[in-house]
Amino acid sequence: AEDVTAEELNNDAEDVTAEELNNDAEDVTAEELNNDAKPDVLKNNEAPKEITPEEKILELEDKLARAFAEMENQRRRFEKERDDAFSYGGFAFAKETLNLIDNLERSKQILENDEILKNSEALIKTLEHFDIINKDMVSILSKNGITPLDSIGKKLDPNFHQAMMEIVDDQKEPGTIIQEIQRGFMMKDRLLRPSLVGVSKKTENKEEKSEENKENSDTL
């Protein structure tokens, strides 16, 4: 009986010990897994930062202000385009119309230089009619905001004049307009076309020129 009892006790003790170890191992493993999984769960379940009502109102006010500013800029652009259309819509047409005035002026000059017609009664009457037509056309253009530029006697201005030649004139300051080849015109505050002009220059002093050439040759 003693041998049986000792053997049974040893078997029971071994079974209990193995069972406890298995249980402990399962508990440790489950706990470790749970601990490892918790940060990921917390990370995934982390709620986004909530926007306060005040911040939301400020955001909406900013968007609304930007929208109103864009609408105002667009309105101003439309108004400018509309005004330009009314003011300068006939810009190209007006520019082409100036060719009629140019042709009248050329025809007048040709007749005036004709030796056969010179000083004849027919020529005088024809030129008078040309002048009337020219004045009427300029008047019609002026009523529509198209006005001629006054250039003779003024200093050359690249914004309004285009110099085509230089003419020796010691009585005038260099760069003064003394001849108008083609008259320029303005359309309100815009240049329709520049005046083609001839400007004055001083007579070149031969001695000064030769001295200048000598200095240049010495430098070379």
Protein backbone atom coordinates (compact mmCIF):
# COMPACT_ATOMS: atom_id res chain seq x y z
CA ALA A 1 0.00 0.00 0.00
CA GLU A 2 2.86 2.38 0.78
CA ASP A 3 4.46 1.80 -2.66
CA VAL A 4 1.19 2.42 -4.45
CA THR A 5 0.51 5.48 -2.43
CA ALA A 6 3.96 6.98 -3.12
CA GLU A 7 3.69 6.29 -6.82
CA GLU A 8 0.22 7.78 -7.02
CA LEU A 9 1.33 10.86 -5.11
CA ASN A 10 4.27 11.40 -7.47
CA ASN A 11 2.04 11.06 -10.51
CA ASP A 12 -0.49 13.48 -9.08
CA ALA A 13 2.25 15.96 -8.23
CA GLU A 14 3.72 15.77 -11.75
CA ASP A 15 0.30 16.22 -13.35
CA VAL A 16 -0.51 19.22 -11.16
CA THR A 17 2.86 20.83 -11.82
CA ALA A 18 2.61 20.41 -15.62
CA GLU A 19 -0.93 21.70 -15.64
CA GLU A 20 0.02 24.77 -13.61
CA LEU A 21 2.99 25.50 -15.86
CA ASN A 22 0.81 25.26 -18.96
CA ASN A 23 -1.75 27.56 -17.41
CA ASP A 24 0.92 30.06 -16.38
CA ALA A 25 2.43 29.98 -19.87
CA GLU A 26 -0.94 30.54 -21.48
CA ASP A 27 -1.68 33.44 -19.12
CA VAL A 28 1.73 35.06 -19.78
CA THR A 29 1.39 34.66 -23.54
CA ALA A 30 -2.14 36.06 -23.58
CA GLU A 31 -1.11 38.98 -21.40
CA GLU A 32 1.90 39.79 -23.55
CA LEU A 33 -0.20 39.67 -26.70
CA ASN A 34 -2.78 41.93 -25.13
CA ASN A 35 -0.11 44.39 -24.01
CA ASP A 36 1.45 44.43 -27.48
CA ALA A 37 -1.88 44.93 -29.16
CA LYS A 38 -3.02 47.80 -26.90
CA PRO A 39 -0.78 50.57 -28.41
CA ASP A 40 -1.94 49.73 -31.93
CA VAL A 41 -5.55 49.70 -30.85
CA LEU A 42 -5.10 53.03 -29.10
CA LYS A 43 -3.33 54.44 -32.14
CA ASN A 44 -6.08 53.31 -34.50
CA ASN A 45 -8.82 54.48 -32.19
CA GLU A 46 -7.17 57.88 -31.56
CA ALA A 47 -9.83 60.50 -32.25
CA PRO A 48 -8.98 63.43 -34.63
CA LYS A 49 -8.48 66.85 -33.12
CA GLU A 50 -11.81 68.52 -32.71
CA ILE A 51 -12.30 72.03 -34.22
CA THR A 52 -13.86 74.47 -31.83
CA PRO A 53 -16.89 76.49 -32.97
CA GLU A 54 -14.82 79.66 -32.84
CA GLU A 55 -12.17 78.18 -35.16
CA LYS A 56 -14.88 76.98 -37.53
CA ILE A 57 -16.43 80.46 -37.63
CA LEU A 58 -13.06 82.07 -38.36
CA GLU A 59 -12.42 79.59 -41.18
CA LEU A 60 -15.82 80.31 -42.74
CA GLU A 61 -15.30 84.09 -42.42
CA ASP A 62 -11.94 83.80 -44.20
CA LYS A 63 -13.47 81.79 -47.07
CA LEU A 64 -16.34 84.27 -47.35
CA ALA A 65 -13.96 87.27 -47.43
CA ARG A 66 -11.88 85.64 -50.18
CA ALA A 67 -15.00 84.89 -52.22
CA PHE A 68 -16.22 88.50 -51.93
CA ALA A 69 -12.78 89.85 -52.89
CA GLU A 70 -12.67 87.64 -56.00
CA MET A 71 -16.18 88.75 -56.98
CA GLU A 72 -15.21 92.42 -56.56
CA ASN A 73 -12.08 92.00 -58.70
CA GLN A 74 -14.10 90.25 -61.38
CA ARG A 75 -16.71 93.02 -61.35
CA ARG A 76 -14.02 95.67 -61.80
CA ARG A 77 -12.49 93.75 -64.71
CA PHE A 78 -15.86 93.50 -66.41
CA GLU A 79 -16.50 97.23 -65.93
CA LYS A 80 -13.10 98.15 -67.37
CA GLU A 81 -13.63 95.89 -70.39
CA ARG A 82 -17.07 97.39 -70.92
CA ASP A 83 -15.75 100.95 -70.69
CA ASP A 84 -12.88 100.15 -73.06
CA ALA A 85 -15.34 98.61 -75.51
CA PHE A 86 -17.40 101.82 -75.52
CA SER A 87 -14.39 104.14 -75.63
CA TYR A 88 -12.02 102.29 -77.96
CA GLY A 89 -14.25 99.82 -79.78
CA GLY A 90 -13.69 101.69 -83.07
CA PHE A 91 -9.91 101.97 -82.66
CA ALA A 92 -9.06 99.90 -85.75
CA PHE A 93 -11.76 101.59 -87.83
CA ALA A 94 -10.55 105.05 -86.81
CA LYS A 95 -6.97 104.14 -87.71
CA GLU A 96 -8.04 103.04 -91.19
CA THR A 97 -10.08 106.23 -91.63
CA LEU A 98 -6.91 108.30 -91.28
CA ASN A 99 -5.77 106.89 -94.62
CA LEU A 100 -8.47 109.01 -96.30
CA ILE A 101 -7.02 112.18 -94.81
CA ASP A 102 -3.52 111.10 -95.89
CA ASN A 103 -4.68 110.46 -99.47
CA LEU A 104 -6.38 113.86 -99.64
CA GLU A 105 -3.20 115.54 -98.46
CA ARG A 106 -1.06 113.67 -101.00
CA SER A 107 -3.45 114.50 -103.81
CA LYS A 108 -3.33 118.15 -102.81
CA GLN A 109 0.48 118.18 -102.90
CA ILE A 110 0.57 116.50 -106.32
CA LEU A 111 -1.80 119.10 -107.77
CA GLU A 112 0.13 121.97 -106.22
CA ASN A 113 3.37 120.73 -107.83
CA ASP A 114 1.83 120.26 -111.25
CA GLU A 115 3.45 122.87 -113.55
CA ILE A 116 0.55 122.83 -116.01
CA LEU A 117 -2.14 123.50 -113.39
CA LYS A 118 -0.09 125.87 -111.27
CA ASN A 119 -1.86 129.19 -110.57
CA SER A 120 -4.86 128.17 -112.63
CA GLU A 121 -8.42 128.95 -111.56
CA ALA A 122 -9.34 125.26 -111.69
CA LEU A 123 -6.51 124.34 -109.38
CA ILE A 124 -7.43 127.02 -106.85
CA LYS A 125 -11.06 125.84 -106.69
CA THR A 126 -10.04 122.19 -106.47
CA LEU A 127 -7.67 122.89 -103.60
CA GLU A 128 -10.39 124.85 -101.80
CA HIS A 129 -12.71 121.85 -102.04
CA PHE A 130 -9.94 119.58 -100.78
CA ASP A 131 -9.49 121.85 -97.76
CA ILE A 132 -13.21 121.79 -97.01
CA ILE A 133 -13.35 117.99 -97.20
CA ASN A 134 -10.26 117.69 -95.03
CA LYS A 135 -11.65 120.06 -92.36
CA ASP A 136 -14.99 118.22 -92.32
CA MET A 137 -13.30 114.88 -91.81
CA VAL A 138 -11.10 116.21 -89.02
CA SER A 139 -14.18 117.76 -87.40
CA ILE A 140 -16.10 114.46 -87.52
CA LEU A 141 -13.16 112.63 -86.01
CA SER A 142 -12.79 115.26 -83.27
CA LYS A 143 -16.44 114.83 -82.27
CA ASN A 144 -15.67 111.16 -81.71
CA GLY A 145 -12.61 111.80 -79.55
CA ILE A 146 -10.02 111.53 -82.33
CA THR A 147 -7.82 114.62 -82.39
CA PRO A 148 -4.65 115.53 -84.36
CA LEU A 149 -1.31 116.05 -82.65
CA ASP A 150 0.38 119.45 -82.85
CA SER A 151 4.04 118.75 -83.51
CA ILE A 152 5.69 121.69 -85.33
CA GLY A 153 7.97 123.67 -83.03
CA LYS A 154 7.87 121.12 -80.23
CA LYS A 155 10.61 118.92 -78.86
CA LEU A 156 10.72 115.36 -80.17
CA ASP A 157 8.79 113.05 -77.83
CA PRO A 158 9.21 109.31 -78.59
CA ASN A 159 5.80 108.70 -77.04
CA PHE A 160 4.08 110.74 -79.76
CA HIS A 161 6.62 111.33 -82.56
CA GLN A 162 8.76 109.22 -84.85
CA ALA A 163 11.80 111.00 -86.31
CA MET A 164 12.29 110.21 -89.99
CA MET A 165 15.10 112.64 -90.80
CA GLU A 166 17.41 115.33 -89.43
CA ILE A 167 17.46 118.78 -91.00
CA VAL A 168 20.24 121.32 -90.46
CA ASP A 169 18.84 124.41 -88.74
CA ASP A 170 21.08 126.56 -86.57
CA GLN A 171 18.13 128.73 -85.52
CA LYS A 172 16.45 125.88 -83.65
CA GLU A 173 17.52 123.79 -80.72
CA PRO A 174 18.62 120.29 -81.75
CA GLY A 175 15.73 117.84 -81.61
CA THR A 176 13.06 120.44 -82.40
CA ILE A 177 10.39 119.32 -84.87
CA ILE A 178 10.53 121.55 -87.94
CA GLN A 179 8.76 119.36 -90.49
CA GLU A 180 5.72 117.09 -90.29
CA ILE A 181 5.67 114.31 -92.86
CA GLN A 182 2.53 112.63 -91.56
CA ARG A 183 0.24 113.96 -88.87
CA GLY A 184 -0.32 111.88 -85.76
CA PHE A 185 -3.64 111.41 -83.96
CA MET A 186 -4.88 110.60 -80.48
CA MET A 187 -8.02 108.65 -79.62
CA LYS A 188 -9.00 110.14 -76.28
CA ASP A 189 -6.02 109.30 -74.05
CA ARG A 190 -4.50 106.69 -76.38
CA LEU A 191 -2.11 107.21 -79.25
CA LEU A 192 -3.85 106.26 -82.47
CA ARG A 193 -0.68 106.74 -84.52
CA PRO A 194 2.53 108.77 -84.04
CA SER A 195 3.51 111.81 -86.08
CA LEU A 196 6.24 111.20 -88.64
CA VAL A 197 8.53 114.21 -88.38
CA GLY A 198 11.83 115.80 -89.29
CA VAL A 199 13.94 117.29 -86.49
CA SER A 200 16.57 120.01 -86.44
CA LYS A 201 20.27 119.58 -85.90
CA LYS A 202 23.21 121.96 -85.72
CA THR A 203 25.65 122.48 -88.57
CA GLU A 204 28.66 120.27 -88.10
CA ASN A 205 31.90 122.22 -87.68
CA LYS A 206 34.43 120.76 -90.11
CA GLU A 207 37.41 121.66 -87.91
CA GLU A 208 35.81 120.01 -84.87
CA LYS A 209 34.90 116.97 -86.95
CA SER A 210 38.44 116.60 -88.32
CA GLU A 211 39.85 117.01 -84.81
CA GLU A 212 37.47 114.34 -83.53
CA ASN A 213 38.47 111.98 -86.35
CA LYS A 214 42.15 112.62 -85.57
CA GLU A 215 41.60 111.77 -81.89
CA ASN A 216 39.81 108.59 -82.84
CA SER A 217 42.62 107.54 -85.18
CA ASP A 218 45.22 108.27 -82.50
CA THR A 219 43.28 106.13 -80.04
CA LEU A 220 43.23 103.25 -82.53
